[in-house]
Protein backbone atom coordinates (compact mmCIF):
# COMPACT_ATOMS: atom_id res chain seq x y z
CA MET A 1 42.16 21.48 118.87
CA ALA A 2 41.26 19.01 116.09
CA TYR A 3 41.88 19.63 112.41
CA GLN A 4 38.78 21.35 111.12
CA GLY A 5 36.60 19.52 108.66
CA ASP A 6 38.60 16.43 107.63
CA GLU A 7 41.22 15.15 110.01
CA GLY A 8 41.27 11.80 108.24
CA ASP A 9 42.27 13.53 105.03
CA LEU A 10 45.14 15.22 106.87
CA VAL A 11 46.37 11.83 108.16
CA GLU A 12 46.07 10.23 104.72
CA ARG A 13 47.91 13.00 102.90
CA TYR A 14 50.54 13.21 105.61
CA ALA A 15 51.02 9.41 105.51
CA THR A 16 51.58 9.51 101.73
CA LEU A 17 54.26 12.18 102.05
CA LEU A 18 55.83 10.42 105.02
CA ASN A 19 55.96 7.10 103.15
CA ARG A 20 57.74 8.69 100.19
CA TYR A 21 60.15 10.57 102.40
CA VAL A 22 61.30 7.68 104.59
CA ARG A 23 62.01 5.61 101.46
CA ALA A 24 63.74 8.38 99.47
CA PRO A 25 64.12 11.71 101.31
CA SER A 26 63.52 14.75 99.06
CA GLU A 27 63.09 18.49 99.48
CA ALA A 28 59.90 18.40 97.43
CA ASP A 29 58.19 16.12 99.97
CA LEU A 30 59.36 18.34 102.83
CA LEU A 31 58.02 21.44 101.07
CA GLU A 32 54.68 19.79 100.40
CA SER A 33 54.40 18.61 104.00
CA TYR A 34 55.28 22.12 105.20
CA ASN A 35 52.47 23.57 103.06
CA LEU A 36 50.08 20.91 104.33
CA VAL A 37 50.84 21.74 107.97
CA HIS A 38 50.75 25.46 107.28
CA HIS A 39 47.30 25.04 105.71
CA ALA A 40 46.14 23.09 108.76
CA MET A 41 47.44 25.88 111.01
CA SER A 42 45.84 28.70 109.06
CA ARG A 43 42.27 27.37 109.00
CA GLY A 44 39.55 29.16 110.94
CA ASP A 45 39.82 26.45 113.61
CA PRO A 46 43.56 25.68 113.37
CA VAL A 47 45.00 22.28 114.18
CA SER A 48 47.04 22.00 117.38
CA LEU A 49 50.55 20.64 117.67
CA ALA A 50 49.14 17.69 119.64
CA ALA A 51 46.76 16.89 116.76
CA LEU A 52 49.66 17.02 114.29
CA ALA A 53 51.70 14.71 116.49
CA SER A 54 48.74 12.32 116.63
CA ALA A 55 48.41 12.43 112.82
CA HIS A 56 52.16 11.74 112.52
CA HIS A 57 51.98 8.69 114.77
CA GLU A 58 48.93 7.35 113.00
CA ALA A 59 50.60 7.82 109.62
CA LEU A 60 53.82 6.22 110.87
CA ALA A 61 51.94 3.22 112.30
CA ALA A 62 49.92 2.79 109.10
CA MET A 63 53.04 3.04 106.95
CA ILE A 64 54.96 0.44 108.96
CA GLU A 65 51.95 -1.85 108.98
CA ARG A 66 51.32 -1.61 105.22
CA ALA A 67 54.78 -1.12 103.83
CA GLY A 68 56.53 -4.32 104.73
CA ALA A 69 59.53 -2.03 104.66
CA THR A 70 63.00 -3.45 104.14
CA ALA A 71 64.58 -0.76 106.27
CA PRO A 72 64.82 -1.32 110.04
CA VAL A 73 61.94 0.14 112.03
CA SER A 74 64.33 2.29 114.07
CA ASP A 75 65.65 3.91 110.91
CA LEU A 76 62.12 4.57 109.69
CA ILE A 77 61.23 6.18 113.00
CA ARG A 78 64.35 8.37 112.88
CA ARG A 79 63.59 9.55 109.33
CA ALA A 80 59.92 10.07 110.24
CA ALA A 81 60.97 12.17 113.25
CA THR A 82 63.11 14.37 110.98
CA PHE A 83 60.20 14.73 108.59
CA PHE A 84 57.84 15.67 111.42
CA ALA A 85 60.26 18.24 112.83
CA GLU A 86 60.71 19.85 109.42
CA SER A 87 56.99 19.78 108.70
CA CYS A 88 56.20 21.48 112.01
CA SER A 89 58.94 24.11 111.68
CA PRO A 90 56.31 26.95 111.61
CA TYR A 91 55.29 25.99 115.13
CA GLU A 92 58.89 25.79 116.24
CA LEU A 93 59.77 29.12 114.68
CA ILE A 94 56.74 30.81 116.17
CA LEU A 95 57.44 29.33 119.59
CA ARG A 96 61.06 30.40 119.46
CA GLY A 97 60.01 33.85 118.27
CA TYR A 98 57.57 34.23 121.15
CA LYS A 99 60.20 33.12 123.64
CA ARG A 100 62.78 35.48 122.17
CA SER A 101 60.32 38.40 122.04
CA TYR A 102 59.18 37.71 125.59
CA HIS A 103 62.76 37.61 126.82
CA GLU A 104 63.61 40.84 124.98
CA ALA A 105 60.46 42.47 126.34
CA LEU A 106 61.45 41.53 129.88
CA ILE A 107 64.92 43.01 129.37
CA ASN A 108 63.48 46.19 127.86
CA LEU A 109 60.93 46.47 130.66
CA LYS A 110 63.68 46.12 133.23
CA LEU A 111 65.74 48.80 131.50
CA LEU A 112 62.70 51.08 131.27
CA ASN A 113 61.95 50.60 134.96
CA GLN A 114 65.54 51.44 135.83
CA GLU A 115 65.38 54.54 133.63
CA LEU A 116 62.06 55.55 135.15
CA GLU A 117 63.44 55.18 138.67
CA ALA A 118 66.43 57.33 137.72
CA LYS A 119 64.18 59.98 136.14
CA SER A 120 61.87 59.93 139.18
CA SER A 121 64.85 60.44 141.46
CA GLN A 122 66.08 63.33 139.31
CA LEU A 123 62.60 64.87 139.25
CA GLU A 124 62.27 64.62 143.00
CA SER A 125 65.66 66.28 143.45
CA ALA A 126 64.62 69.04 141.04
CA ASN A 127 61.34 69.51 142.92
CA VAL A 128 63.17 69.81 146.22
CA ALA A 129 65.49 72.41 144.69
CA LEU A 130 62.54 74.32 143.18
CA ARG A 131 60.69 74.33 146.51
CA GLU A 132 63.77 75.68 148.21
CA LEU A 133 64.20 78.35 145.54
CA ASP A 134 60.54 79.27 145.88
CA ARG A 135 60.92 79.56 149.65
CA LEU A 136 64.01 81.73 149.28
CA LYS A 137 62.23 83.89 146.70
CA ASP A 138 59.27 84.44 149.02
CA GLN A 139 61.61 85.20 151.90
CA PHE A 140 63.58 87.63 149.75
CA LEU A 141 60.43 89.44 148.57
CA SER A 142 59.13 89.72 152.11
CA VAL A 143 62.40 91.06 153.54
CA VAL A 144 63.03 93.49 150.68
CA SER A 145 59.44 94.73 150.74
CA HIS A 146 59.54 95.41 154.45
CA GLU A 147 62.89 97.14 154.15
CA LEU A 148 61.68 99.31 151.26
CA ARG A 149 58.62 100.57 153.11
CA THR A 150 60.69 102.46 155.70
CA PRO A 151 62.56 104.76 153.27
CA ILE A 152 59.46 105.16 151.09
CA ASN A 153 57.39 106.28 154.07
CA ALA A 154 60.17 108.68 155.04
CA ILE A 155 60.19 110.16 151.51
CA MET A 156 56.42 110.55 151.55
CA GLY A 157 56.35 111.97 155.06
CA PHE A 158 59.06 114.57 154.61
CA GLY A 159 57.85 115.32 151.09
CA SER A 160 54.39 116.12 152.46
CA ILE A 161 55.93 118.39 155.11
CA LEU A 162 57.81 120.29 152.43
CA ASP A 163 54.76 120.43 150.16
CA ASP A 164 52.68 121.86 153.02
CA GLU A 165 55.39 124.55 153.48
CA VAL A 166 55.75 123.70 157.17
CA VAL A 167 59.47 124.56 157.06
CA GLY A 168 59.29 127.38 154.56
CA SER A 169 57.60 128.59 151.42
CA LEU A 170 58.22 126.99 148.03
CA THR A 171 57.97 128.22 144.49
CA SER A 172 55.40 126.78 142.09
CA GLU A 173 58.16 124.92 140.26
CA GLN A 174 59.36 123.36 143.51
CA HIS A 175 55.79 122.24 144.26
CA ARG A 176 55.65 120.54 140.85
CA TYR A 177 58.87 118.70 141.57
CA LEU A 178 57.57 117.62 144.97
CA GLU A 179 54.36 116.41 143.40
CA SER A 180 56.36 114.19 141.04
CA ILE A 181 58.40 112.87 143.98
CA LEU A 182 55.28 112.09 146.04
CA THR A 183 53.52 110.48 143.06
CA GLY A 184 56.53 108.26 142.37
CA ALA A 185 56.84 107.34 146.05
CA ASP A 186 53.15 106.48 146.21
CA THR A 187 53.47 104.29 143.10
CA LEU A 188 56.50 102.55 144.58
CA LEU A 189 54.66 101.99 147.87
CA ASN A 190 51.78 100.36 145.99
CA LEU A 191 54.21 98.06 144.20
CA VAL A 192 55.82 97.08 147.52
CA ASN A 193 52.40 96.42 149.03
CA ASP A 194 51.54 94.17 146.08
CA LEU A 195 54.74 92.19 146.62
CA LEU A 196 53.99 91.86 150.33
CA ASP A 197 50.44 90.71 149.69
CA MET A 198 51.56 88.13 147.18
CA SER A 199 54.30 86.78 149.46
CA ARG A 200 51.74 86.47 152.30
CA ILE A 201 49.28 84.69 150.03
CA GLN A 202 51.94 82.24 148.82
CA ALA A 203 53.20 81.63 152.36
CA GLY A 204 49.66 80.92 153.62
CA LYS A 205 49.86 83.82 156.10
CA PHE A 206 46.93 85.61 154.55
CA SER A 207 43.60 85.85 156.41
CA LEU A 208 40.31 87.74 156.21
CA ASP A 209 38.49 89.86 158.80
CA PRO A 210 34.88 89.63 157.59
CA HIS A 211 32.05 91.86 158.82
CA MET A 212 28.59 92.75 157.58
CA ILE A 213 29.29 95.64 155.21
CA SER A 214 27.67 97.65 152.46
CA PHE A 215 29.14 96.91 149.05
CA GLU A 216 27.90 100.27 147.75
CA GLU A 217 29.69 102.21 150.50
CA VAL A 218 32.99 100.43 149.86
CA ALA A 219 32.70 100.90 146.09
CA SER A 220 31.80 104.59 146.46
CA ALA A 221 34.86 105.18 148.65
CA VAL A 222 37.12 103.48 146.13
CA MET A 223 35.71 105.50 143.21
CA PHE A 224 36.10 108.72 145.22
CA ASN A 225 39.75 107.96 145.98
CA LEU A 226 40.52 107.11 142.35
CA ASP A 227 38.62 110.06 140.89
CA PRO A 228 41.69 112.38 140.82
CA LEU A 229 43.67 109.75 138.91
CA ALA A 230 40.80 109.35 136.44
CA LYS A 231 40.48 113.09 135.92
CA LYS A 232 44.16 113.35 135.06
CA LYS A 233 43.42 111.18 132.03
CA ASP A 234 40.10 112.90 131.29
CA LEU A 235 38.19 109.77 132.30
CA LYS A 236 34.90 109.37 134.16
CA VAL A 237 34.22 106.57 136.64
CA ILE A 238 30.45 106.09 136.77
CA SER A 239 28.51 104.04 139.30
CA ARG A 240 25.82 101.70 137.94
CA ILE A 241 25.31 99.92 141.26
CA ASP A 242 21.75 98.76 141.95
CA ALA A 243 20.03 100.59 144.77
CA GLY A 244 19.13 98.68 147.92
CA LEU A 245 21.77 95.96 147.70
CA PRO A 246 21.77 93.73 150.79
CA VAL A 247 24.72 93.86 153.15
CA ILE A 248 27.29 91.13 152.63
CA CYS A 249 29.75 89.33 154.86
CA ALA A 250 33.18 90.38 153.63
CA ASP A 251 36.48 91.97 154.58
CA ALA A 252 35.96 95.66 153.75
CA GLN A 253 39.68 96.36 153.33
CA ARG A 254 40.18 93.41 150.99
CA LEU A 255 37.02 94.21 149.03
CA SER A 256 38.33 97.76 148.64
CA GLN A 257 41.61 96.31 147.39
CA ILE A 258 39.82 94.14 144.80
CA LEU A 259 37.84 97.09 143.43
CA THR A 260 40.88 99.37 143.52
CA ASN A 261 42.92 96.91 141.47
CA LEU A 262 40.18 96.46 138.86
CA ILE A 263 39.23 100.14 138.54
CA HIS A 264 42.87 101.29 138.60
CA ASN A 265 43.58 98.78 135.85
CA ALA A 266 40.72 100.22 133.78
CA ILE A 267 42.00 103.76 134.29
CA LYS A 268 45.55 102.75 133.36
CA PHE A 269 44.59 101.15 130.05
CA SER A 270 41.70 103.40 128.95
CA PRO A 271 42.31 106.17 126.42
CA ALA A 272 41.37 109.75 127.36
CA GLY A 273 37.76 110.85 127.16
CA ARG A 274 36.20 107.44 127.89
CA GLU A 275 33.92 106.21 130.65
CA ILE A 276 34.53 103.43 133.15
CA GLU A 277 31.42 101.85 134.62
CA VAL A 278 31.11 100.02 137.93
CA TRP A 279 28.10 97.70 138.09
CA ALA A 280 26.73 95.59 140.95
CA SER A 281 23.56 93.52 141.27
CA VAL A 282 22.20 90.50 143.11
CA ALA A 283 21.02 87.26 141.51
CA GLY A 284 20.05 84.37 143.75
CA ASP A 285 22.60 83.90 146.53
CA TRP A 286 25.31 85.90 144.81
CA LEU A 287 26.35 89.51 144.40
CA THR A 288 27.95 90.15 141.00
CA ALA A 289 30.17 93.18 140.41
CA GLN A 290 31.55 94.36 137.06
CA VAL A 291 34.12 96.96 136.01
CA VAL A 292 33.54 97.87 132.35
CA ASP A 293 36.10 99.82 130.34
CA HIS A 294 36.35 100.93 126.73
CA ALA A 295 40.06 100.34 126.24
CA GLU A 296 41.76 98.39 123.45
CA GLY A 297 40.46 95.03 124.61
CA ILE A 298 42.36 91.78 125.05
CA ALA A 299 43.15 89.16 122.41
CA PRO A 300 41.62 85.70 123.09
CA GLU A 301 45.03 84.01 123.29
CA ASP A 302 46.08 86.43 126.06
CA LEU A 303 43.05 85.93 128.31
CA PRO A 304 44.37 82.79 130.12
CA ARG A 305 47.49 84.73 131.25
CA LEU A 306 45.66 87.66 132.82
CA PHE A 307 45.33 86.38 136.36
CA ARG A 308 48.79 84.84 136.62
CA GLN A 309 51.50 86.36 138.77
CA PHE A 310 53.59 88.94 136.92
CA GLY A 311 51.24 88.32 134.01
CA GLN A 312 51.09 91.81 132.52
CA LEU A 313 50.52 91.39 128.81
CA ASP A 314 52.61 94.38 127.73
CA THR A 315 56.09 92.85 128.18
CA ARG A 316 58.06 94.90 125.69
CA SER A 317 61.19 96.64 126.88
CA THR A 318 59.49 100.01 126.46
CA ARG A 319 56.18 99.26 128.10
CA ARG A 320 53.57 101.95 127.90
CA PHE A 321 52.10 100.99 131.26
CA GLY A 322 53.90 100.42 134.55
CA GLY A 323 53.13 97.90 137.25
CA THR A 324 54.28 94.52 138.50
CA GLY A 325 51.51 92.50 136.90
CA LEU A 326 50.43 91.32 140.36
CA GLY A 327 47.20 93.31 140.72
CA LEU A 328 44.87 90.86 138.99
CA SER A 329 46.47 87.78 140.55
CA ILE A 330 46.04 89.36 144.00
CA ALA A 331 42.43 90.27 143.19
CA LYS A 332 41.81 86.66 142.14
CA ALA A 333 43.26 85.30 145.40
CA LEU A 334 41.18 87.75 147.46
CA VAL A 335 37.93 86.98 145.63
CA GLU A 336 38.44 83.24 145.90
CA SER A 337 39.28 83.55 149.61
CA HIS A 338 35.79 85.06 150.02
CA GLY A 339 34.30 82.04 148.24
CA GLY A 340 33.67 83.85 144.96
CA GLN A 341 34.92 83.72 141.40
CA ILE A 342 36.56 86.25 139.10
CA GLY A 343 36.83 86.46 135.33
CA VAL A 344 36.91 88.68 132.26
CA GLN A 345 35.06 89.11 128.99
CA SER A 346 36.90 91.07 126.33
CA LYS A 347 37.03 91.72 122.63
CA VAL A 348 39.78 93.52 120.76
CA GLY A 349 38.57 97.03 119.93
CA SER A 350 35.53 96.84 122.24
CA GLY A 351 36.99 97.04 125.74
CA SER A 352 36.83 94.61 128.64
CA THR A 353 34.47 93.64 131.44
CA PHE A 354 36.13 92.32 134.60
CA TRP A 355 33.62 90.64 136.90
CA PHE A 356 33.63 88.90 140.24
CA THR A 357 31.04 87.28 142.48
CA LEU A 358 30.65 87.23 146.27
CA PRO A 359 28.33 84.95 148.23
CA LEU A 360 25.49 86.54 150.21
CA LYS A 361 25.60 83.89 152.95
CA THR A 362 26.70 85.24 156.31
CA GLU A 363 27.97 82.18 158.21
CA ARG A 364 31.42 83.70 158.71
CA CYS A 365 30.02 86.81 160.32
CA GLU A 366 27.45 84.96 162.42
CA SER A 367 29.83 82.35 163.85
CA PRO A 368 31.14 83.14 167.38
């Protein structure tokens, strides 16, 4: 690229400095030539190294032609070459810097690639170990849950026989003790069932058995079954379900499980004397159900954790409420397996509304 504006001026000025230098080398001439070249480099359209070399040769030729120099031409050329090299040192330094930086960058890139490969290998090994641990955990939960059901069922079966006085009469105090035993066994059985459901869901062994069913009938049955539990806390579960809802294609047992988890949750966290409302309506191609409570409500930062496994928010050592924290995560998996969505709206001090949607389409039930 040519020297912008006045290349002839560059040659003339360079020739003057070169002429002085080859006759009597001085640092001042070198410094001035350096500044001249630096100025040529820093213009908006900077001079190229080839242009500088051309200017040098023109200046050298003009000097030899005009000077009638006493020194041998070879000596002049040698001094001129030194002058040119010193004058163009910015180019040399920059070039060397680029080469050095490029070389260092290649070395660093190679080291980074090696480190990345090592980290990737470590991560893959960790993932393999985690998958194996996850498999063992699921297997453990499944085996333990199955093994626990047998003694729990035995406790509940024989406890019911005793409570019904089949083998002899009991005092009122003994009936109270048996009631506590049966209540505890029933709670434990529900926990075991939650663990089994979650292990099946994680293992991919979970399936639906959809039929055309009435949402209102399933919801009414669930509310009837949970009414005694609500009355113990002086709570009322009220139906706000729209009349004349269309039948939907769903698994009645799993739909009952979804509603049971949500309503039981509302009962567990609601203070005495409050109402729990169960709503259901149709909009477009979707049925939307809601369970509304008037409990303490949930802080915004806690909402994302609600539907995670073992995600119960009350994690203090002396929790006020029991449970595994699996109910909502199971409900989420069941709703999504039906093709719906689940969520919550809550405000601290104003209670919570848990909602879920189910599609009205019936392809699953109509397919052979």
